[in-house]
Amino acid sequence: MQANRSRDTKAELAVRRLVHAQGLRYRVNARPEPSLARTADLLFATPRVAVFLDGCFWHGCPQHSTIPRANREYWASKLQRNRERDLDTTQRLEERGWVVLRFWEHEAPSAVADQIGQVVRSRRERLRTEISSPAWPRPPGS
């Protein structure tokens, strides 16, 4: 398993290239929360968007996932734990105010990059409007 990349896969590089071309900047393979021992493939810290590009085999893609014939019990258990960890990660981040985007490695990089761009720009715009219009009314004369 040493040869299996955990980052910089072909799908990830293609998506990163397209997102960067949209003018968006991000962190790569970074922890969204210091207390959470999980890393996002692309991380937009200020708008709080975490992007995960999941491999079809390792994360149990409904279209492409298969369980190897050799040592089936081990692999079935391993892949199930991966799926459970993915759900747990998504839930924990959403509880802390993050938007979590998950994509499969087989999805078209251009469609993935477009969706990431839309969500990040939307979150940034929402932050700008929240900052420019305070939640409480200002007293008269201020």
Protein backbone atom coordinates (compact mmCIF):
# COMPACT_ATOMS: atom_id res chain seq x y z
CA MET A 1 0.00 0.00 0.00
CA GLN A 2 3.04 2.23 0.12
CA ALA A 3 2.68 3.07 -3.57
CA ASN A 4 -0.91 4.30 -3.11
CA ARG A 5 -0.91 8.07 -3.07
CA SER A 6 -2.76 9.82 -0.30
CA ARG A 7 -2.34 13.18 -2.01
CA ASP A 8 -1.46 14.61 -5.42
CA THR A 9 -3.48 12.01 -7.32
CA LYS A 10 -4.26 12.68 -10.98
CA ALA A 11 -7.84 13.63 -10.15
CA GLU A 12 -6.73 15.93 -7.35
CA LEU A 13 -4.10 17.67 -9.47
CA ALA A 14 -6.59 18.22 -12.30
CA VAL A 15 -9.16 19.76 -9.95
CA ARG A 16 -6.55 21.90 -8.18
CA ARG A 17 -5.28 23.23 -11.50
CA LEU A 18 -8.80 24.27 -12.55
CA VAL A 19 -9.69 25.80 -9.18
CA HIS A 20 -6.43 27.76 -9.19
CA ALA A 21 -7.21 28.99 -12.72
CA GLN A 22 -10.46 30.46 -11.33
CA GLY A 23 -8.31 32.67 -9.11
CA LEU A 24 -9.09 30.78 -5.91
CA ARG A 25 -6.32 30.03 -3.43
CA TYR A 26 -6.41 27.17 -0.98
CA ARG A 27 -4.32 24.98 1.30
CA VAL A 28 -3.50 21.42 0.26
CA ASN A 29 -3.73 18.37 2.52
CA ALA A 30 -4.52 20.50 5.58
CA ARG A 31 -6.46 19.97 8.79
CA PRO A 32 -9.63 22.06 8.93
CA GLU A 33 -9.65 21.84 12.74
CA PRO A 34 -6.47 21.30 14.79
CA SER A 35 -8.32 18.99 17.18
CA LEU A 36 -9.58 16.79 14.33
CA ALA A 37 -6.94 14.38 13.02
CA ARG A 38 -8.29 14.43 9.46
CA THR A 39 -7.02 16.34 6.44
CA ALA A 40 -8.97 17.88 3.58
CA ASP A 41 -7.61 17.66 0.05
CA LEU A 42 -8.35 21.35 -0.55
CA LEU A 43 -9.05 23.75 2.28
CA PHE A 44 -10.47 27.26 2.04
CA ALA A 45 -9.99 28.47 5.62
CA THR A 46 -11.79 31.83 5.71
CA PRO A 47 -14.99 30.76 3.96
CA ARG A 48 -14.70 27.47 5.90
CA VAL A 49 -14.99 25.10 2.94
CA ALA A 50 -13.32 21.68 3.10
CA VAL A 51 -13.06 19.62 -0.10
CA PHE A 52 -12.45 15.87 -0.18
CA LEU A 53 -11.71 14.04 -3.45
CA ASP A 54 -12.42 10.44 -2.54
CA GLY A 55 -10.89 7.51 -4.38
CA CYS A 56 -13.45 5.02 -5.67
CA PHE A 57 -11.75 1.97 -4.16
CA TRP A 58 -10.73 3.38 -0.78
CA HIS A 59 -13.97 5.19 -0.02
CA GLY A 60 -16.50 2.76 -1.47
CA CYS A 61 -17.87 4.44 -4.57
CA PRO A 62 -21.30 2.96 -5.34
CA GLN A 63 -20.43 2.72 -9.05
CA HIS A 64 -16.88 1.38 -8.97
CA SER A 65 -16.10 -0.09 -5.55
CA THR A 66 -15.17 -3.76 -5.35
CA ILE A 67 -13.88 -5.89 -2.51
CA PRO A 68 -10.73 -7.85 -3.38
CA ARG A 69 -11.10 -11.63 -3.45
CA ALA A 70 -8.05 -12.25 -1.29
CA ASN A 71 -8.60 -11.54 2.39
CA ARG A 72 -12.21 -10.40 1.85
CA GLU A 73 -13.08 -10.03 5.53
CA TYR A 74 -10.16 -7.67 6.16
CA TRP A 75 -10.94 -5.53 3.12
CA ALA A 76 -14.69 -5.39 3.74
CA SER A 77 -14.03 -4.24 7.30
CA LYS A 78 -11.33 -1.76 6.21
CA LEU A 79 -13.49 -0.15 3.52
CA GLN A 80 -16.49 0.03 5.87
CA ARG A 81 -14.35 1.82 8.48
CA ASN A 82 -13.22 4.28 5.80
CA ARG A 83 -16.85 5.08 4.90
CA GLU A 84 -17.77 5.49 8.56
CA ARG A 85 -14.79 7.80 9.11
CA ASP A 86 -15.84 9.88 6.09
CA LEU A 87 -19.35 10.30 7.54
CA ASP A 88 -17.93 11.15 10.96
CA THR A 89 -15.56 13.73 9.46
CA THR A 90 -18.37 15.38 7.49
CA GLN A 91 -20.65 15.49 10.53
CA ARG A 92 -17.99 16.93 12.87
CA LEU A 93 -16.96 19.63 10.41
CA GLU A 94 -20.54 20.64 9.62
CA GLU A 95 -21.26 20.91 13.36
CA ARG A 96 -18.35 23.36 13.57
CA GLY A 97 -19.64 25.55 10.75
CA TRP A 98 -17.76 24.11 7.78
CA VAL A 99 -19.21 23.37 4.37
CA VAL A 100 -17.97 19.93 3.35
CA LEU A 101 -17.79 19.05 -0.34
CA ARG A 102 -17.11 15.43 -1.30
CA PHE A 103 -16.44 14.25 -4.83
CA TRP A 104 -15.49 10.92 -6.37
CA GLU A 105 -12.25 10.61 -8.30
CA HIS A 106 -14.19 9.60 -11.44
CA GLU A 107 -16.20 12.83 -11.59
CA ALA A 108 -15.29 15.32 -14.31
CA PRO A 109 -12.64 17.70 -12.93
CA SER A 110 -14.23 20.71 -14.66
CA ALA A 111 -17.62 20.05 -13.03
CA VAL A 112 -15.98 19.52 -9.65
CA ALA A 113 -13.93 22.71 -9.95
CA ASP A 114 -16.99 24.71 -11.03
CA GLN A 115 -19.00 23.53 -8.04
CA ILE A 116 -16.12 24.27 -5.65
CA GLY A 117 -15.78 27.76 -7.13
CA GLN A 118 -19.49 28.49 -6.76
CA VAL A 119 -19.60 27.39 -3.13
CA VAL A 120 -16.42 29.25 -2.12
CA ARG A 121 -17.49 32.49 -3.83
CA SER A 122 -20.96 32.21 -2.30
CA ARG A 123 -19.53 31.72 1.20
CA ARG A 124 -17.12 34.63 0.75
CA GLU A 125 -19.94 36.91 -0.39
CA ARG A 126 -22.07 35.87 2.57
CA LEU A 127 -19.20 36.67 4.94
CA ARG A 128 -18.76 40.11 3.36
CA THR A 129 -22.44 40.97 3.82
CA GLU A 130 -22.44 39.73 7.43
CA ILE A 131 -19.42 41.88 8.24
CA SER A 132 -20.75 45.00 6.49
CA SER A 133 -24.19 44.83 8.13
CA PRO A 134 -23.96 44.18 11.87
CA ALA A 135 -26.57 41.97 13.52
CA TRP A 136 -27.67 44.65 15.98
CA PRO A 137 -29.15 48.06 15.21
CA ARG A 138 -26.84 51.00 15.72
CA PRO A 139 -27.89 53.65 18.21
CA PRO A 140 -29.05 56.95 16.70
CA GLY A 141 -26.30 59.46 16.04
CA SER A 142 -23.48 56.93 15.70
